[in-house]
Each structure stands twice: as C-alpha cells, then as structure tokens.
Amino acid sequence: MTSIHGHEVLNMMLESDEHYSETSLIQAIHMRFGDSAHFHTCSAENMTAAQMVELLKNKGKFIPLKEGFSTHESKICRH
C-alpha cells in the first residue's frame, strides 16, 4: 500500500486554487489519490483522508476564508 505525504495534499490544494470545506477537501483527496489511499507526515502515519485533513487543520496549514479555507505555499515545510 502506498502512503502519500501531507505535502501532496497541500500541493493539490495550491494547484486547484479552490476554496474547500473539510468535506469537499476529503472528496477532492479521494478523487485525486483514491478512496483507499493512506497518508503520512513527518509526525504521523497510516492516516485516512479525513484524519489527514484533521491533522493539517490542527497544525494550522489552512487559511480561513469567507467561504471555507485554502492554503498557501508558506504553509508547506520544505524538508
């Protein structure tokens, strides 16, 4: 099973230039990476799309907007 780094999710968000809700981001993740994909970061592993979204939210990776949220390149660590 392939595990996808959280940076890939943030990059997907940047490329789309869309605003998301938690639900619409989870749907977009499933469409891009598949329903059975698992995710990891430097500090966590074996997460579902919903768990990945929750972790990114809790780490302050999302920028609140009038309608939903987005992200910015500065929110992606480069290591």
PDB file of N, CA and C in Angstrom:
ATOM      1  N   MET A   1       0.848  -1.187   0.000  1.00  0.00           N
ATOM      2  CA  MET A   1       0.000   0.000   0.000  1.00  0.00           C
ATOM      3  C   MET A   1       0.892   1.249   0.000  1.00  0.00           C
ATOM      4  N   THR A   2       0.583   2.173  -0.860  1.00  0.00           N
ATOM      5  CA  THR A   2       1.327   3.411  -0.965  1.00  0.00           C
ATOM      6  C   THR A   2       0.796   4.427   0.037  1.00  0.00           C
ATOM      7  N   SER A   3       1.718   5.150   0.653  1.00  0.00           N
ATOM      8  CA  SER A   3       1.345   6.216   1.578  1.00  0.00           C
ATOM      9  C   SER A   3       1.758   7.550   0.962  1.00  0.00           C
ATOM     10  N   ILE A   4       0.877   8.506   1.028  1.00  0.00           N
ATOM     11  CA  ILE A   4       1.072   9.811   0.409  1.00  0.00           C
ATOM     12  C   ILE A   4       1.359  10.836   1.491  1.00  0.00           C
ATOM     13  N   HIS A   5       2.395  11.640   1.269  1.00  0.00           N
ATOM     14  CA  HIS A   5       2.774  12.651   2.261  1.00  0.00           C
ATOM     15  C   HIS A   5       1.769  13.802   2.247  1.00  0.00           C
ATOM     16  N   GLY A   6       1.535  14.383   3.390  1.00  0.00           N
ATOM     17  CA  GLY A   6       0.613  15.516   3.528  1.00  0.00           C
ATOM     18  C   GLY A   6       0.972  16.690   2.631  1.00  0.00           C
ATOM     19  N   HIS A   7       2.254  16.833   2.292  1.00  0.00           N
ATOM     20  CA  HIS A   7       2.654  17.899   1.368  1.00  0.00           C
ATOM     21  C   HIS A   7       1.931  17.771   0.033  1.00  0.00           C
ATOM     22  N   GLU A   8       1.681  16.531  -0.377  1.00  0.00           N
ATOM     23  CA  GLU A   8       0.986  16.292  -1.649  1.00  0.00           C
ATOM     24  C   GLU A   8      -0.447  16.828  -1.598  1.00  0.00           C
ATOM     25  N   VAL A   9      -1.074  16.694  -0.454  1.00  0.00           N
ATOM     26  CA  VAL A   9      -2.432  17.230  -0.280  1.00  0.00           C
ATOM     27  C   VAL A   9      -2.396  18.759  -0.360  1.00  0.00           C
ATOM     28  N   LEU A  10      -1.450  19.370   0.331  1.00  0.00           N
ATOM     29  CA  LEU A  10      -1.334  20.829   0.293  1.00  0.00           C
ATOM     30  C   LEU A  10      -0.997  21.311  -1.117  1.00  0.00           C
ATOM     31  N   ASN A  11      -0.124  20.609  -1.817  1.00  0.00           N
ATOM     32  CA  ASN A  11       0.194  20.973  -3.199  1.00  0.00           C
ATOM     33  C   ASN A  11      -1.025  20.843  -4.106  1.00  0.00           C
ATOM     34  N   MET A  12      -1.833  19.810  -3.893  1.00  0.00           N
ATOM     35  CA  MET A  12      -3.072  19.645  -4.646  1.00  0.00           C
ATOM     36  C   MET A  12      -3.980  20.854  -4.440  1.00  0.00           C
ATOM     37  N   MET A  13      -4.071  21.300  -3.196  1.00  0.00           N
ATOM     38  CA  MET A  13      -4.905  22.463  -2.886  1.00  0.00           C
ATOM     39  C   MET A  13      -4.386  23.704  -3.611  1.00  0.00           C
ATOM     40  N   LEU A  14      -3.065  23.902  -3.607  1.00  0.00           N
ATOM     41  CA  LEU A  14      -2.476  25.062  -4.279  1.00  0.00           C
ATOM     42  C   LEU A  14      -2.742  25.013  -5.782  1.00  0.00           C
ATOM     43  N   GLU A  15      -2.558  23.854  -6.377  1.00  0.00           N
ATOM     44  CA  GLU A  15      -2.750  23.691  -7.818  1.00  0.00           C
ATOM     45  C   GLU A  15      -4.190  23.955  -8.231  1.00  0.00           C
ATOM     46  N   SER A  16      -5.129  23.588  -7.385  1.00  0.00           N
ATOM     47  CA  SER A  16      -6.542  23.738  -7.738  1.00  0.00           C
ATOM     48  C   SER A  16      -7.024  25.174  -7.612  1.00  0.00           C
ATOM     49  N   ASP A  17      -6.372  25.948  -6.737  1.00  0.00           N
ATOM     50  CA  ASP A  17      -6.767  27.340  -6.482  1.00  0.00           C
ATOM     51  C   ASP A  17      -8.248  27.436  -6.089  1.00  0.00           C
ATOM     52  N   GLU A  18      -8.726  26.432  -5.354  1.00  0.00           N
ATOM     53  CA  GLU A  18     -10.118  26.395  -4.906  1.00  0.00           C
ATOM     54  C   GLU A  18     -10.188  26.659  -3.403  1.00  0.00           C
ATOM     55  N   HIS A  19     -11.385  26.966  -2.940  1.00  0.00           N
ATOM     56  CA  HIS A  19     -11.680  27.054  -1.514  1.00  0.00           C
ATOM     57  C   HIS A  19     -12.381  25.762  -1.137  1.00  0.00           C
ATOM     58  N   TYR A  20     -12.084  25.258   0.041  1.00  0.00           N
ATOM     59  CA  TYR A  20     -12.611  23.970   0.474  1.00  0.00           C
ATOM     60  C   TYR A  20     -13.342  24.081   1.800  1.00  0.00           C
ATOM     61  N   SER A  21     -14.248  23.150   2.014  1.00  0.00           N
ATOM     62  CA  SER A  21     -14.745  22.818   3.345  1.00  0.00           C
ATOM     63  C   SER A  21     -14.028  21.518   3.698  1.00  0.00           C
ATOM     64  N   GLU A  22     -14.128  21.074   4.924  1.00  0.00           N
ATOM     65  CA  GLU A  22     -13.495  19.799   5.264  1.00  0.00           C
ATOM     66  C   GLU A  22     -14.060  18.674   4.397  1.00  0.00           C
ATOM     67  N   THR A  23     -15.356  18.670   4.203  1.00  0.00           N
ATOM     68  CA  THR A  23     -15.992  17.630   3.402  1.00  0.00           C
ATOM     69  C   THR A  23     -15.547  17.682   1.947  1.00  0.00           C
ATOM     70  N   SER A  24     -15.518  18.880   1.362  1.00  0.00           N
ATOM     71  CA  SER A  24     -15.125  18.965  -0.051  1.00  0.00           C
ATOM     72  C   SER A  24     -13.644  18.642  -0.238  1.00  0.00           C
ATOM     73  N   LEU A  25     -12.803  18.936   0.756  1.00  0.00           N
ATOM     74  CA  LEU A  25     -11.390  18.582   0.646  1.00  0.00           C
ATOM     75  C   LEU A  25     -11.226  17.067   0.716  1.00  0.00           C
ATOM     76  N   ILE A  26     -11.925  16.417   1.609  1.00  0.00           N
ATOM     77  CA  ILE A  26     -11.857  14.957   1.696  1.00  0.00           C
ATOM     78  C   ILE A  26     -12.307  14.335   0.380  1.00  0.00           C
ATOM     79  N   GLN A  27     -13.361  14.861  -0.216  1.00  0.00           N
ATOM     80  CA  GLN A  27     -13.835  14.359  -1.510  1.00  0.00           C
ATOM     81  C   GLN A  27     -12.780  14.568  -2.593  1.00  0.00           C
ATOM     82  N   ALA A  28     -12.148  15.734  -2.608  1.00  0.00           N
ATOM     83  CA  ALA A  28     -11.108  16.027  -3.601  1.00  0.00           C
ATOM     84  C   ALA A  28      -9.900  15.097  -3.413  1.00  0.00           C
ATOM     85  N   ILE A  29      -9.551  14.825  -2.169  1.00  0.00           N
ATOM     86  CA  ILE A  29      -8.446  13.903  -1.881  1.00  0.00           C
ATOM     87  C   ILE A  29      -8.782  12.515  -2.417  1.00  0.00           C
ATOM     88  N   HIS A  30      -9.991  12.046  -2.161  1.00  0.00           N
ATOM     89  CA  HIS A  30     -10.404  10.726  -2.655  1.00  0.00           C
ATOM     90  C   HIS A  30     -10.369  10.682  -4.180  1.00  0.00           C
ATOM     91  N   MET A  31     -10.814  11.752  -4.824  1.00  0.00           N
ATOM     92  CA  MET A  31     -10.807  11.780  -6.286  1.00  0.00           C
ATOM     93  C   MET A  31      -9.374  11.765  -6.824  1.00  0.00           C
ATOM     94  N   ARG A  32      -8.479  12.480  -6.194  1.00  0.00           N
ATOM     95  CA  ARG A  32      -7.096  12.592  -6.674  1.00  0.00           C
ATOM     96  C   ARG A  32      -6.267  11.352  -6.356  1.00  0.00           C
ATOM     97  N   PHE A  33      -6.389  10.841  -5.125  1.00  0.00           N
ATOM     98  CA  PHE A  33      -5.494   9.783  -4.662  1.00  0.00           C
ATOM     99  C   PHE A  33      -6.172   8.422  -4.494  1.00  0.00           C
ATOM    100  N   GLY A  34      -7.489   8.381  -4.599  1.00  0.00           N
ATOM    101  CA  GLY A  34      -8.215   7.120  -4.444  1.00  0.00           C
ATOM    102  C   GLY A  34      -8.797   6.962  -3.051  1.00  0.00           C
ATOM    103  N   ASP A  35      -9.892   6.226  -2.983  1.00  0.00           N
ATOM    104  CA  ASP A  35     -10.604   6.030  -1.721  1.00  0.00           C
ATOM    105  C   ASP A  35      -9.801   5.246  -0.687  1.00  0.00           C
ATOM    106  N   SER A  36      -8.901   4.409  -1.146  1.00  0.00           N
ATOM    107  CA  SER A  36      -8.171   3.558  -0.190  1.00  0.00           C
ATOM    108  C   SER A  36      -6.775   4.081   0.130  1.00  0.00           C
ATOM    109  N   ALA A  37      -6.433   5.274  -0.354  1.00  0.00           N
ATOM    110  CA  ALA A  37      -5.103   5.830  -0.089  1.00  0.00           C
ATOM    111  C   ALA A  37      -4.920   6.105   1.400  1.00  0.00           C
ATOM    112  N   HIS A  38      -3.695   5.955   1.842  1.00  0.00           N
ATOM    113  CA  HIS A  38      -3.313   6.311   3.207  1.00  0.00           C
ATOM    114  C   HIS A  38      -2.287   7.426   3.142  1.00  0.00           C
ATOM    115  N   PHE A  39      -2.173   8.159   4.238  1.00  0.00           N
ATOM    116  CA  PHE A  39      -1.373   9.371   4.253  1.00  0.00           C
ATOM    117  C   PHE A  39      -0.445   9.388   5.459  1.00  0.00           C
ATOM    118  N   HIS A  40       0.628  10.175   5.316  1.00  0.00           N
ATOM    119  CA  HIS A  40       1.575  10.335   6.421  1.00  0.00           C
ATOM    120  C   HIS A  40       2.160  11.745   6.383  1.00  0.00           C
ATOM    121  N   THR A  41       2.741  12.119   7.505  1.00  0.00           N
ATOM    122  CA  THR A  41       3.533  13.343   7.615  1.00  0.00           C
ATOM    123  C   THR A  41       4.809  12.940   8.349  1.00  0.00           C
ATOM    124  N   CYS A  42       5.603  13.912   8.675  1.00  0.00           N
ATOM    125  CA  CYS A  42       6.827  13.617   9.427  1.00  0.00           C
ATOM    126  C   CYS A  42       6.508  13.133  10.843  1.00  0.00           C
ATOM    127  N   SER A  43       5.309  13.453  11.331  1.00  0.00           N
ATOM    128  CA  SER A  43       4.968  13.127  12.714  1.00  0.00           C
ATOM    129  C   SER A  43       3.849  12.099  12.873  1.00  0.00           C
ATOM    130  N   ALA A  44       3.245  11.645  11.775  1.00  0.00           N
ATOM    131  CA  ALA A  44       2.129  10.689  11.873  1.00  0.00           C
ATOM    132  C   ALA A  44       2.097   9.827  10.611  1.00  0.00           C
ATOM    133  N   GLU A  45       1.489   8.655  10.722  1.00  0.00           N
ATOM    134  CA  GLU A  45       1.404   7.776   9.559  1.00  0.00           C
ATOM    135  C   GLU A  45       0.121   6.958   9.584  1.00  0.00           C
ATOM    136  N   ASN A  46      -0.137   6.298   8.460  1.00  0.00           N
ATOM    137  CA  ASN A  46      -1.290   5.406   8.290  1.00  0.00           C
ATOM    138  C   ASN A  46      -2.616   6.113   8.577  1.00  0.00           C
ATOM    139  N   MET A  47      -2.775   7.312   8.012  1.00  0.00           N
ATOM    140  CA  MET A  47      -3.998   8.095   8.218  1.00  0.00           C
ATOM    141  C   MET A  47      -4.920   7.985   7.010  1.00  0.00           C
ATOM    142  N   THR A  48      -6.209   8.097   7.283  1.00  0.00           N
ATOM    143  CA  THR A  48      -7.202   8.217   6.228  1.00  0.00           C
ATOM    144  C   THR A  48      -7.209   9.665   5.740  1.00  0.00           C
ATOM    145  N   ALA A  49      -7.944   9.923   4.675  1.00  0.00           N
ATOM    146  CA  ALA A  49      -8.070  11.294   4.172  1.00  0.00           C
ATOM    147  C   ALA A  49      -8.662  12.204   5.253  1.00  0.00           C
ATOM    148  N   ALA A  50      -9.685  11.741   5.948  1.00  0.00           N
ATOM    149  CA  ALA A  50     -10.312  12.553   6.999  1.00  0.00           C
ATOM    150  C   ALA A  50      -9.325  12.850   8.129  1.00  0.00           C
ATOM    151  N   GLN A  51      -8.535  11.869   8.514  1.00  0.00           N
ATOM    152  CA  GLN A  51      -7.533  12.082   9.560  1.00  0.00           C
ATOM    153  C   GLN A  51      -6.449  13.046   9.087  1.00  0.00           C
ATOM    154  N   MET A  52      -6.093  12.952   7.803  1.00  0.00           N
ATOM    155  CA  MET A  52      -5.091  13.862   7.243  1.00  0.00           C
ATOM    156  C   MET A  52      -5.597  15.299   7.289  1.00  0.00           C
ATOM    157  N   VAL A  53      -6.846  15.515   6.900  1.00  0.00           N
ATOM    158  CA  VAL A  53      -7.439  16.855   6.922  1.00  0.00           C
ATOM    159  C   VAL A  53      -7.463  17.388   8.349  1.00  0.00           C
ATOM    160  N   GLU A  54      -7.840  16.570   9.292  1.00  0.00           N
ATOM    161  CA  GLU A  54      -7.885  16.987  10.695  1.00  0.00           C
ATOM    162  C   GLU A  54      -6.496  17.375  11.198  1.00  0.00           C
ATOM    163  N   LEU A  55      -5.491  16.584  10.863  1.00  0.00           N
ATOM    164  CA  LEU A  55      -4.130  16.884  11.286  1.00  0.00           C
ATOM    165  C   LEU A  55      -3.642  18.194  10.667  1.00  0.00           C
ATOM    166  N   LEU A  56      -3.875  18.380   9.361  1.00  0.00           N
ATOM    167  CA  LEU A  56      -3.449  19.623   8.706  1.00  0.00           C
ATOM    168  C   LEU A  56      -4.149  20.832   9.314  1.00  0.00           C
ATOM    169  N   LYS A  57      -5.425  20.680   9.620  1.00  0.00           N
ATOM    170  CA  LYS A  57      -6.176  21.768  10.251  1.00  0.00           C
ATOM    171  C   LYS A  57      -5.580  22.100  11.615  1.00  0.00           C
ATOM    172  N   ASN A  58      -5.325  21.079  12.409  1.00  0.00           N
ATOM    173  CA  ASN A  58      -4.788  21.285  13.760  1.00  0.00           C
ATOM    174  C   ASN A  58      -3.379  21.866  13.749  1.00  0.00           C
ATOM    175  N   LYS A  59      -2.630  21.629  12.676  1.00  0.00           N
ATOM    176  CA  LYS A  59      -1.275  22.172  12.558  1.00  0.00           C
ATOM    177  C   LYS A  59      -1.260  23.561  11.936  1.00  0.00           C
ATOM    178  N   GLY A  60      -2.444  24.131  11.668  1.00  0.00           N
ATOM    179  CA  GLY A  60      -2.511  25.490  11.155  1.00  0.00           C
ATOM    180  C   GLY A  60      -2.132  25.626   9.690  1.00  0.00           C
ATOM    181  N   LYS A  61      -2.316  24.575   8.914  1.00  0.00           N
ATOM    182  CA  LYS A  61      -1.931  24.596   7.496  1.00  0.00           C
ATOM    183  C   LYS A  61      -2.992  25.216   6.594  1.00  0.00           C
ATOM    184  N   PHE A  62      -4.162  25.485   7.133  1.00  0.00           N
ATOM    185  CA  PHE A  62      -5.246  26.064   6.345  1.00  0.00           C
ATOM    186  C   PHE A  62      -5.410  27.545   6.661  1.00  0.00           C
ATOM    187  N   ILE A  63      -5.803  28.300   5.650  1.00  0.00           N
ATOM    188  CA  ILE A  63      -6.059  29.724   5.803  1.00  0.00           C
ATOM    189  C   ILE A  63      -7.565  29.937   5.707  1.00  0.00           C
ATOM    190  N   PRO A  64      -8.203  30.378   6.800  1.00  0.00           N
ATOM    191  CA  PRO A  64      -9.653  30.606   6.768  1.00  0.00           C
ATOM    192  C   PRO A  64     -10.008  31.697   5.759  1.00  0.00           C
ATOM    193  N   LEU A  65     -11.080  31.482   5.055  1.00  0.00           N
ATOM    194  CA  LEU A  65     -11.593  32.445   4.089  1.00  0.00           C
ATOM    195  C   LEU A  65     -13.060  32.699   4.379  1.00  0.00           C
ATOM    196  N   LYS A  66     -13.627  33.668   3.705  1.00  0.00           N
ATOM    197  CA  LYS A  66     -15.048  33.954   3.885  1.00  0.00           C
ATOM    198  C   LYS A  66     -15.882  32.698   3.630  1.00  0.00           C
ATOM    199  N   GLU A  67     -15.507  31.972   2.587  1.00  0.00           N
ATOM    200  CA  GLU A  67     -16.188  30.704   2.267  1.00  0.00           C
ATOM    201  C   GLU A  67     -15.177  29.570   2.331  1.00  0.00           C
ATOM    202  N   GLY A  68     -15.102  28.867   3.435  1.00  0.00           N
ATOM    203  CA  GLY A  68     -14.217  27.733   3.574  1.00  0.00           C
ATOM    204  C   GLY A  68     -12.801  28.113   3.941  1.00  0.00           C
ATOM    205  N   PHE A  69     -11.840  27.406   3.345  1.00  0.00           N
ATOM    206  CA  PHE A  69     -10.433  27.652   3.631  1.00  0.00           C
ATOM    207  C   PHE A  69      -9.598  27.262   2.416  1.00  0.00           C
ATOM    208  N   SER A  70      -8.357  27.699   2.437  1.00  0.00           N
ATOM    209  CA  SER A  70      -7.381  27.371   1.408  1.00  0.00           C
ATOM    210  C   SER A  70      -6.047  27.168   2.116  1.00  0.00           C
ATOM    211  N   THR A  71      -4.972  27.205   1.373  1.00  0.00           N
ATOM    212  CA  THR A  71      -3.640  27.138   1.959  1.00  0.00           C
ATOM    213  C   THR A  71      -2.726  28.052   1.167  1.00  0.00           C
ATOM    214  N   HIS A  72      -1.497  28.141   1.587  1.00  0.00           N
ATOM    215  CA  HIS A  72      -0.513  28.988   0.907  1.00  0.00           C
ATOM    216  C   HIS A  72       0.805  28.232   0.887  1.00  0.00           C
ATOM    217  N   GLU A  73       1.626  28.519  -0.089  1.00  0.00           N
ATOM    218  CA  GLU A  73       2.919  27.850  -0.213  1.00  0.00           C
ATOM    219  C   GLU A  73       3.742  27.950   1.068  1.00  0.00           C
ATOM    220  N   SER A  74       3.621  29.039   1.790  1.00  0.00           N
ATOM    221  CA  SER A  74       4.369  29.223   3.032  1.00  0.00           C
ATOM    222  C   SER A  74       3.951  28.243   4.124  1.00  0.00           C
ATOM    223  N   LYS A  75       2.823  27.578   3.956  1.00  0.00           N
ATOM    224  CA  LYS A  75       2.345  26.596   4.945  1.00  0.00           C
ATOM    225  C   LYS A  75       2.959  25.214   4.745  1.00  0.00           C
ATOM    226  N   ILE A  76       3.729  25.045   3.656  1.00  0.00           N
ATOM    227  CA  ILE A  76       4.326  23.749   3.365  1.00  0.00           C
ATOM    228  C   ILE A  76       5.791  23.791   3.780  1.00  0.00           C
ATOM    229  N   CYS A  77       6.151  22.946   4.747  1.00  0.00           N
ATOM    230  CA  CYS A  77       7.556  22.903   5.168  1.00  0.00           C
ATOM    231  C   CYS A  77       8.373  22.243   4.071  1.00  0.00           C
ATOM    232  N   ARG A  78       9.602  22.643   3.947  1.00  0.00           N
ATOM    233  CA  ARG A  78      10.474  22.152   2.865  1.00  0.00           C
ATOM    234  C   ARG A  78      11.633  21.349   3.430  1.00  0.00           C
ATOM    235  N   HIS A  79      11.344  20.151   3.880  1.00  0.00           N
ATOM    236  CA  HIS A  79      12.426  19.305   4.382  1.00  0.00           C
ATOM    237  C   HIS A  79      12.367  17.963   3.735  1.00  0.00           C
TER     238      HIS A  79
END
